[in-house]
Amino acid sequence: MSLADERRDARERALGLLYEAETKGCTGTELLDQLPVPANDFAAGLVRAVDEHQVQIDGLLSEFSQGWTLSRMPALDRATLRMGTAELLTRPDVPTAVVLNEMVELASRFSTDDSGRFVNGLLAKIATQVRPN
């Protein structure tokens, strides 16, 4: 399996964990600590990054999501946006286009028909601020 495939699978796992944590009312890190089989390092790193940067991430999402509050967004979109923003903030080794493409793919597969476009537009705006080059 290629690195790209491994990371794609890890992102899908991280999205599931973030969604589960939100529905259970706990942090992603708390959920990671309860897993009988640990998540791989990339997935766990994304989940922890969302927790560690939650205030900044939610601030960016609120700032750039014109007309949408966080609570109004579908839960899977919210989890995808948080994870994508965390990856943009903490993983400079991953190209911006890769982060956006992967998050759009996840949103398109697991959320609403319009989620891919919504996630793409919002993350692209955030990327211009957190990765200006």
C-alpha atoms as a PDB file:
ATOM      1  CA  MET A   1       0.000   0.000   0.000  1.00  0.00           C
ATOM      2  CA  SER A   2       1.347   3.426  -0.930  1.00  0.00           C
ATOM      3  CA  LEU A   3       1.848   6.280   1.539  1.00  0.00           C
ATOM      4  CA  ALA A   4      -1.013   8.168  -0.126  1.00  0.00           C
ATOM      5  CA  ASP A   5      -3.349   5.182   0.374  1.00  0.00           C
ATOM      6  CA  GLU A   6      -2.242   4.751   3.984  1.00  0.00           C
ATOM      7  CA  ARG A   7      -2.890   8.416   4.699  1.00  0.00           C
ATOM      8  CA  ARG A   8      -6.263   8.307   2.939  1.00  0.00           C
ATOM      9  CA  ASP A   9      -7.287   5.393   5.167  1.00  0.00           C
ATOM     10  CA  ALA A  10      -5.922   7.198   8.236  1.00  0.00           C
ATOM     11  CA  ARG A  11      -7.923  10.324   7.412  1.00  0.00           C
ATOM     12  CA  GLU A  12     -11.078   8.243   7.074  1.00  0.00           C
ATOM     13  CA  ARG A  13     -10.358   6.631  10.458  1.00  0.00           C
ATOM     14  CA  ALA A  14      -9.656  10.031  12.049  1.00  0.00           C
ATOM     15  CA  LEU A  15     -12.930  11.402  10.663  1.00  0.00           C
ATOM     16  CA  GLY A  16     -14.830   8.487  12.182  1.00  0.00           C
ATOM     17  CA  LEU A  17     -13.124   9.007  15.523  1.00  0.00           C
ATOM     18  CA  LEU A  18     -13.819  12.753  15.560  1.00  0.00           C
ATOM     19  CA  TYR A  19     -17.462  12.158  14.691  1.00  0.00           C
ATOM     20  CA  GLU A  20     -17.749   9.469  17.370  1.00  0.00           C
ATOM     21  CA  ALA A  21     -16.110  11.704  19.977  1.00  0.00           C
ATOM     22  CA  GLU A  22     -18.550  14.511  19.247  1.00  0.00           C
ATOM     23  CA  THR A  23     -21.581  12.219  19.453  1.00  0.00           C
ATOM     24  CA  LYS A  24     -20.295  10.798  22.757  1.00  0.00           C
ATOM     25  CA  GLY A  25     -19.517  14.250  24.160  1.00  0.00           C
ATOM     26  CA  CYS A  26     -15.828  13.570  24.754  1.00  0.00           C
ATOM     27  CA  THR A  27     -12.600  14.762  23.199  1.00  0.00           C
ATOM     28  CA  GLY A  28     -10.917  12.866  20.429  1.00  0.00           C
ATOM     29  CA  THR A  29      -7.938  12.243  22.690  1.00  0.00           C
ATOM     30  CA  GLU A  30     -10.183  10.708  25.353  1.00  0.00           C
ATOM     31  CA  LEU A  31     -11.657   8.436  22.708  1.00  0.00           C
ATOM     32  CA  LEU A  32      -8.189   7.462  21.461  1.00  0.00           C
ATOM     33  CA  ASP A  33      -7.249   6.464  25.005  1.00  0.00           C
ATOM     34  CA  GLN A  34     -10.266   4.134  25.183  1.00  0.00           C
ATOM     35  CA  LEU A  35      -9.674   2.282  21.910  1.00  0.00           C
ATOM     36  CA  PRO A  36      -8.998  -1.446  22.259  1.00  0.00           C
ATOM     37  CA  VAL A  37      -6.829  -1.279  19.119  1.00  0.00           C
ATOM     38  CA  PRO A  38      -4.867   1.955  18.736  1.00  0.00           C
ATOM     39  CA  ALA A  39      -5.328   4.127  15.670  1.00  0.00           C
ATOM     40  CA  ASN A  40      -2.257   4.495  13.475  1.00  0.00           C
ATOM     41  CA  ASP A  41       0.057   7.429  14.142  1.00  0.00           C
ATOM     42  CA  PHE A  42      -1.241   9.627  11.317  1.00  0.00           C
ATOM     43  CA  ALA A  43      -4.906   9.219  12.313  1.00  0.00           C
ATOM     44  CA  ALA A  44      -4.146   9.712  16.002  1.00  0.00           C
ATOM     45  CA  GLY A  45      -2.047  12.782  15.181  1.00  0.00           C
ATOM     46  CA  LEU A  46      -4.938  14.379  13.291  1.00  0.00           C
ATOM     47  CA  VAL A  47      -7.381  13.672  16.122  1.00  0.00           C
ATOM     48  CA  ARG A  48      -4.977  15.130  18.702  1.00  0.00           C
ATOM     49  CA  ALA A  49      -4.286  18.157  16.504  1.00  0.00           C
ATOM     50  CA  VAL A  50      -8.008  18.935  16.372  1.00  0.00           C
ATOM     51  CA  ASP A  51      -8.170  18.778  20.183  1.00  0.00           C
ATOM     52  CA  GLU A  52      -5.006  20.827  20.704  1.00  0.00           C
ATOM     53  CA  HIS A  53      -6.041  23.574  18.267  1.00  0.00           C
ATOM     54  CA  GLN A  54      -9.837  23.451  18.736  1.00  0.00           C
ATOM     55  CA  VAL A  55     -10.242  27.093  19.767  1.00  0.00           C
ATOM     56  CA  GLN A  56      -8.177  28.378  16.831  1.00  0.00           C
ATOM     57  CA  ILE A  57      -9.846  25.958  14.392  1.00  0.00           C
ATOM     58  CA  ASP A  58     -13.373  26.862  15.460  1.00  0.00           C
ATOM     59  CA  GLY A  59     -12.445  30.542  15.312  1.00  0.00           C
ATOM     60  CA  LEU A  60     -11.260  30.179  11.719  1.00  0.00           C
ATOM     61  CA  LEU A  61     -14.328  28.174  10.748  1.00  0.00           C
ATOM     62  CA  SER A  62     -16.629  30.761  12.313  1.00  0.00           C
ATOM     63  CA  GLU A  63     -14.753  33.623  10.659  1.00  0.00           C
ATOM     64  CA  PHE A  64     -14.878  32.184   7.142  1.00  0.00           C
ATOM     65  CA  SER A  65     -18.218  30.331   7.105  1.00  0.00           C
ATOM     66  CA  GLN A  66     -20.442  33.173   6.020  1.00  0.00           C
ATOM     67  CA  GLY A  67     -24.011  32.557   7.106  1.00  0.00           C
ATOM     68  CA  TRP A  68     -23.245  29.234   8.799  1.00  0.00           C
ATOM     69  CA  THR A  69     -22.678  28.736  12.505  1.00  0.00           C
ATOM     70  CA  LEU A  70     -20.739  25.677  13.599  1.00  0.00           C
ATOM     71  CA  SER A  71     -23.831  24.237  15.250  1.00  0.00           C
ATOM     72  CA  ARG A  72     -25.803  24.574  12.014  1.00  0.00           C
ATOM     73  CA  MET A  73     -23.312  22.533   9.973  1.00  0.00           C
ATOM     74  CA  PRO A  74     -23.889  18.812   9.567  1.00  0.00           C
ATOM     75  CA  ALA A  75     -21.765  16.966  12.145  1.00  0.00           C
ATOM     76  CA  LEU A  76     -19.708  15.165   9.496  1.00  0.00           C
ATOM     77  CA  ASP A  77     -18.980  18.440   7.710  1.00  0.00           C
ATOM     78  CA  ARG A  78     -17.922  19.997  11.004  1.00  0.00           C
ATOM     79  CA  ALA A  79     -15.605  17.056  11.762  1.00  0.00           C
ATOM     80  CA  THR A  80     -14.157  17.137   8.239  1.00  0.00           C
ATOM     81  CA  LEU A  81     -13.574  20.890   8.387  1.00  0.00           C
ATOM     82  CA  ARG A  82     -11.927  20.670  11.794  1.00  0.00           C
ATOM     83  CA  MET A  83      -9.668  17.858  10.645  1.00  0.00           C
ATOM     84  CA  GLY A  84      -8.766  19.650   7.406  1.00  0.00           C
ATOM     85  CA  THR A  85      -8.001  22.874   9.239  1.00  0.00           C
ATOM     86  CA  ALA A  86      -5.890  20.977  11.780  1.00  0.00           C
ATOM     87  CA  GLU A  87      -3.926  19.360   8.970  1.00  0.00           C
ATOM     88  CA  LEU A  88      -3.391  22.729   7.284  1.00  0.00           C
ATOM     89  CA  LEU A  89      -2.133  24.171  10.585  1.00  0.00           C
ATOM     90  CA  THR A  90       0.055  21.311  11.774  1.00  0.00           C
ATOM     91  CA  ARG A  91       1.239  19.362   8.733  1.00  0.00           C
ATOM     92  CA  PRO A  92       3.235  21.711   6.482  1.00  0.00           C
ATOM     93  CA  ASP A  93       4.733  18.606   4.842  1.00  0.00           C
ATOM     94  CA  VAL A  94       1.338  17.833   3.254  1.00  0.00           C
ATOM     95  CA  PRO A  95       0.598  20.074   0.257  1.00  0.00           C
ATOM     96  CA  THR A  96      -2.466  22.304   0.564  1.00  0.00           C
ATOM     97  CA  ALA A  97      -4.037  20.804  -2.564  1.00  0.00           C
ATOM     98  CA  VAL A  98      -3.748  17.319  -1.065  1.00  0.00           C
ATOM     99  CA  VAL A  99      -5.441  18.392   2.172  1.00  0.00           C
ATOM    100  CA  LEU A 100      -8.303  20.050   0.279  1.00  0.00           C
ATOM    101  CA  ASN A 101      -8.764  17.146  -2.129  1.00  0.00           C
ATOM    102  CA  GLU A 102      -8.800  14.562   0.652  1.00  0.00           C
ATOM    103  CA  MET A 103     -11.305  16.505   2.763  1.00  0.00           C
ATOM    104  CA  VAL A 104     -13.583  17.129  -0.225  1.00  0.00           C
ATOM    105  CA  GLU A 105     -13.498  13.416  -1.014  1.00  0.00           C
ATOM    106  CA  LEU A 106     -14.430  12.488   2.567  1.00  0.00           C
ATOM    107  CA  ALA A 107     -17.226  15.053   2.720  1.00  0.00           C
ATOM    108  CA  SER A 108     -18.584  13.913  -0.634  1.00  0.00           C
ATOM    109  CA  ARG A 109     -18.537  10.248   0.389  1.00  0.00           C
ATOM    110  CA  PHE A 110     -19.928  10.517   3.894  1.00  0.00           C
ATOM    111  CA  SER A 111     -22.043  13.661   4.161  1.00  0.00           C
ATOM    112  CA  THR A 112     -24.621  15.532   2.080  1.00  0.00           C
ATOM    113  CA  ASP A 113     -24.679  16.095  -1.684  1.00  0.00           C
ATOM    114  CA  ASP A 114     -23.492  19.688  -1.206  1.00  0.00           C
ATOM    115  CA  SER A 115     -20.839  18.943   1.415  1.00  0.00           C
ATOM    116  CA  GLY A 116     -17.915  18.557  -0.980  1.00  0.00           C
ATOM    117  CA  ARG A 117     -18.396  22.047  -2.422  1.00  0.00           C
ATOM    118  CA  PHE A 118     -19.005  23.549   1.019  1.00  0.00           C
ATOM    119  CA  VAL A 119     -15.871  21.957   2.514  1.00  0.00           C
ATOM    120  CA  ASN A 120     -13.766  22.920  -0.496  1.00  0.00           C
ATOM    121  CA  GLY A 121     -14.830  26.561  -0.417  1.00  0.00           C
ATOM    122  CA  LEU A 122     -14.368  26.986   3.307  1.00  0.00           C
ATOM    123  CA  LEU A 123     -11.026  25.175   3.549  1.00  0.00           C
ATOM    124  CA  ALA A 124      -9.691  27.071   0.520  1.00  0.00           C
ATOM    125  CA  LYS A 125     -10.437  30.371   2.301  1.00  0.00           C
ATOM    126  CA  ILE A 126      -8.809  29.137   5.513  1.00  0.00           C
ATOM    127  CA  ALA A 127      -5.775  27.895   3.584  1.00  0.00           C
ATOM    128  CA  THR A 128      -5.153  31.372   2.162  1.00  0.00           C
ATOM    129  CA  GLN A 129      -4.809  32.672   5.722  1.00  0.00           C
ATOM    130  CA  VAL A 130      -2.893  29.844   7.414  1.00  0.00           C
ATOM    131  CA  ARG A 131      -0.725  28.976   4.379  1.00  0.00           C
ATOM    132  CA  PRO A 132      -0.334  32.269   2.508  1.00  0.00           C
ATOM    133  CA  ASN A 133       2.382  30.963   0.166  1.00  0.00           C
END
